[in-house]
Amino acid sequence: MFYRPETGHGLPHNPLNALVAPRPIAWVSTRGALGDNLAPHSFFNLTAYVPPQVMFCSTSGKADRPGTKDSVAQIAESRVFCINIADGAMKDQMNATSAALPAGVSEFEAAGVASTPCETIDCLRVTDAAASLECRMTRIVRLAGEANIMVMGVVTGIHIRPDCLVDGRFVPATGWLSRLGYKDYTITTDTFEMERP
């Protein structure tokens, strides 16, 4: 099968959603003029080691945030954000925070997610996350298409839940939670090592 994105694929579901998988999930917490927000974004990755840097993309808008979502709007205001890493045990809480709630309604409260103030930025983090990366925004980039926005940031503080450190290595206690596409997710617990040639 070959298709051009602009002419369509003719399938009942968009295959692009599943072609690049698994994708890590940035569970992004922000604070803005309207309050605190928490939302998952599956276009996310680490982009550099020194200084440590991350990026995530938001790919749609909502009626009360024209052309964007609460996460990006609040980062534009505060210039800070926290990326929380959910392990398998937090999948239901993470999913609950994907609800399109009105701006100003806290997903922490709506989904019953415990929060703790960050150390290096004025923002909340997910208390029970496997890890949390406190970040200062370095750039917001509008991408091709409507409401496609990339946020980049430098990591200023890292929290790791103690039970996720095993022999000096980060290993989420109940596995890495990732997005596969469509409505599919995975929890990765089966790993292996390979030496570079």
Protein backbone atom coordinates (compact mmCIF):
# COMPACT_ATOMS: atom_id res chain seq x y z
CA MET A 1 0.00 0.00 0.00
CA PHE A 2 1.14 3.52 -0.81
CA TYR A 3 -0.76 6.74 -0.24
CA ARG A 4 -0.13 10.46 -0.16
CA PRO A 5 -1.30 12.06 3.09
CA GLU A 6 -3.08 14.85 1.24
CA THR A 7 -5.23 12.41 -0.77
CA GLY A 8 -6.02 10.01 2.07
CA HIS A 9 -5.46 6.37 2.94
CA GLY A 10 -8.99 4.95 2.49
CA LEU A 11 -8.72 2.93 5.70
CA PRO A 12 -11.21 3.11 8.57
CA HIS A 13 -8.47 4.49 10.88
CA ASN A 14 -5.41 6.64 10.19
CA PRO A 15 -2.37 4.30 10.06
CA LEU A 16 0.03 7.17 10.78
CA ASN A 17 -1.10 7.12 14.42
CA ALA A 18 0.44 3.65 14.83
CA LEU A 19 3.47 3.80 12.52
CA VAL A 20 5.77 5.60 14.95
CA ALA A 21 5.34 3.58 18.14
CA PRO A 22 5.70 3.13 20.98
CA ARG A 23 5.79 6.82 21.86
CA PRO A 24 6.66 8.01 25.36
CA ILE A 25 4.00 10.11 27.07
CA ALA A 26 4.73 13.54 28.49
CA TRP A 27 2.24 14.07 31.30
CA VAL A 28 2.60 17.85 31.26
CA SER A 29 1.72 19.95 34.30
CA THR A 30 1.50 23.72 33.98
CA ARG A 31 0.39 26.75 35.96
CA GLY A 32 -1.13 29.84 34.41
CA ALA A 33 -3.36 32.78 35.21
CA LEU A 34 -6.40 30.46 35.30
CA GLY A 35 -4.82 27.86 37.61
CA ASP A 36 -3.16 24.47 37.33
CA ASN A 37 -3.43 22.03 34.42
CA LEU A 38 -2.33 18.45 33.74
CA ALA A 39 -2.54 16.75 30.33
CA PRO A 40 -0.85 13.88 28.45
CA HIS A 41 0.95 14.47 25.14
CA SER A 42 2.34 11.50 23.17
CA PHE A 43 4.49 13.50 20.76
CA PHE A 44 7.38 13.81 23.23
CA ASN A 45 11.07 13.06 23.65
CA LEU A 46 14.42 13.88 25.25
CA THR A 47 16.44 15.97 22.77
CA ALA A 48 19.86 16.53 24.41
CA TYR A 49 21.98 15.42 27.38
CA VAL A 50 24.00 18.56 28.26
CA PRO A 51 22.18 20.63 29.19
CA PRO A 52 19.28 18.16 29.38
CA GLN A 53 16.47 19.22 27.05
CA VAL A 54 13.03 17.93 26.09
CA MET A 55 10.28 18.67 23.60
CA PHE A 56 6.61 17.89 23.24
CA CYS A 57 3.99 18.81 20.67
CA SER A 58 0.36 19.77 21.05
CA THR A 59 -1.70 18.95 17.97
CA SER A 60 -5.16 20.39 18.47
CA GLY A 61 -7.03 23.29 20.00
CA LYS A 62 -10.12 23.72 22.12
CA ALA A 63 -12.98 26.18 22.03
CA ASP A 64 -11.83 28.22 25.04
CA ARG A 65 -8.16 28.28 23.91
CA PRO A 66 -8.33 29.24 20.21
CA GLY A 67 -5.63 27.51 18.17
CA THR A 68 -4.07 25.63 21.07
CA LYS A 69 -4.66 23.73 24.33
CA ASP A 70 -4.32 24.71 27.98
CA SER A 71 -0.79 23.28 28.28
CA VAL A 72 0.72 25.47 25.57
CA ALA A 73 -1.30 28.56 26.52
CA GLN A 74 -0.11 28.33 30.12
CA ILE A 75 3.52 27.68 29.16
CA ALA A 76 3.41 30.81 26.99
CA GLU A 77 2.32 32.73 30.12
CA SER A 78 4.63 31.20 32.74
CA ARG A 79 7.56 29.97 30.59
CA VAL A 80 7.80 26.82 32.77
CA PHE A 81 6.34 23.30 32.77
CA CYS A 82 6.87 19.89 34.32
CA ILE A 83 6.96 16.60 32.42
CA ASN A 84 5.75 13.77 34.59
CA ILE A 85 6.47 10.16 33.63
CA ALA A 86 3.60 7.79 34.44
CA ASP A 87 4.31 4.11 34.96
CA GLY A 88 1.82 1.34 34.25
CA ALA A 89 0.03 1.70 37.58
CA MET A 90 -0.94 5.29 36.71
CA LYS A 91 -2.47 4.57 33.30
CA ASP A 92 -6.05 5.26 34.37
CA GLN A 93 -5.19 8.54 36.08
CA MET A 94 -3.13 9.63 33.06
CA ASN A 95 -6.02 8.81 30.73
CA ALA A 96 -8.53 10.65 32.93
CA THR A 97 -6.51 13.85 32.54
CA SER A 98 -6.95 13.75 28.76
CA ALA A 99 -10.56 14.95 29.17
CA ALA A 100 -11.25 18.29 27.46
CA LEU A 101 -12.15 20.21 30.60
CA PRO A 102 -12.78 23.96 30.53
CA ALA A 103 -9.74 26.20 30.97
CA GLY A 104 -9.26 26.87 34.66
CA VAL A 105 -10.52 23.47 35.84
CA SER A 106 -7.71 21.51 37.48
CA GLU A 107 -7.21 18.01 36.08
CA PHE A 108 -5.28 17.21 39.26
CA GLU A 109 -8.51 17.67 41.21
CA ALA A 110 -10.90 16.28 38.58
CA ALA A 111 -8.90 13.04 38.16
CA GLY A 112 -7.82 12.69 41.78
CA VAL A 113 -4.10 13.02 41.02
CA ALA A 114 -1.95 13.97 44.02
CA SER A 115 0.28 17.01 43.46
CA THR A 116 3.40 18.48 45.01
CA PRO A 117 5.07 21.86 44.30
CA CYS A 118 8.15 21.70 42.08
CA GLU A 119 11.55 22.72 43.46
CA THR A 120 13.00 24.92 40.68
CA ILE A 121 9.86 26.32 39.00
CA ASP A 122 6.45 27.66 40.04
CA CYS A 123 4.37 24.67 39.01
CA LEU A 124 2.90 21.48 40.42
CA ARG A 125 4.20 17.99 39.67
CA VAL A 126 2.51 14.58 39.97
CA THR A 127 3.48 13.35 43.44
CA ASP A 128 3.44 9.64 42.53
CA ALA A 129 4.94 9.87 39.03
CA ALA A 130 7.81 7.49 38.34
CA ALA A 131 9.84 10.60 37.50
CA SER A 132 9.24 14.30 36.94
CA LEU A 133 11.32 16.73 34.88
CA GLU A 134 11.03 20.39 35.87
CA CYS A 135 11.58 22.54 32.78
CA ARG A 136 12.10 26.13 31.68
CA MET A 137 10.67 26.79 28.24
CA THR A 138 13.26 27.81 25.64
CA ARG A 139 11.07 28.00 22.56
CA ILE A 140 7.52 27.58 21.29
CA VAL A 141 7.43 26.78 17.57
CA ARG A 142 4.34 26.80 15.35
CA LEU A 143 4.49 23.82 13.00
CA ALA A 144 2.77 23.29 9.64
CA GLY A 145 -0.97 22.77 9.99
CA GLU A 146 -3.58 24.20 12.30
CA ALA A 147 -2.85 24.13 16.06
CA ASN A 148 0.37 22.07 15.71
CA ILE A 149 2.78 23.56 18.26
CA MET A 150 6.15 22.33 19.57
CA VAL A 151 7.37 23.31 23.03
CA MET A 152 11.05 22.95 23.90
CA GLY A 153 12.62 23.31 27.31
CA VAL A 154 15.73 22.86 29.45
CA VAL A 155 15.42 20.51 32.42
CA THR A 156 16.17 22.34 35.69
CA GLY A 157 15.32 19.61 38.19
CA ILE A 158 14.63 15.86 38.18
CA HIS A 159 12.59 13.85 40.68
CA ILE A 160 12.78 10.03 40.66
CA ARG A 161 10.45 7.93 42.79
CA PRO A 162 12.69 5.79 45.08
CA ASP A 163 11.12 2.45 44.10
CA CYS A 164 11.98 3.20 40.46
CA LEU A 165 15.73 3.08 41.14
CA VAL A 166 17.03 -0.47 40.83
CA ASP A 167 20.80 -1.07 41.15
CA GLY A 168 21.39 2.58 40.26
CA ARG A 169 19.21 2.48 37.13
CA PHE A 170 15.81 4.04 36.45
CA VAL A 171 13.26 1.24 36.01
CA PRO A 172 9.59 2.24 36.46
CA ALA A 173 8.17 -0.04 39.13
CA THR A 174 5.20 -1.11 36.99
CA GLY A 175 6.77 -0.66 33.55
CA TRP A 176 7.10 2.12 30.99
CA LEU A 177 3.72 3.40 29.82
CA SER A 178 3.66 4.29 26.10
CA ARG A 179 1.24 5.16 23.31
CA LEU A 180 0.91 2.85 20.31
CA GLY A 181 -1.66 4.74 18.24
CA TYR A 182 -5.42 4.55 17.80
CA LYS A 183 -6.71 3.85 21.34
CA ASP A 184 -3.84 1.43 22.02
CA TYR A 185 -1.20 1.71 24.75
CA THR A 186 1.50 -0.61 26.06
CA ILE A 187 3.27 -1.20 29.35
CA THR A 188 6.84 -2.28 28.68
CA THR A 189 8.45 -4.61 31.18
CA ASP A 190 10.41 -6.95 28.85
CA THR A 191 13.75 -5.32 27.96
CA PHE A 192 17.16 -6.46 26.69
CA GLU A 193 20.61 -4.94 26.29
CA MET A 194 22.71 -4.57 23.13
CA GLU A 195 26.30 -3.33 22.86
CA ARG A 196 27.12 -0.84 20.10
CA PRO A 197 29.61 -2.22 17.55
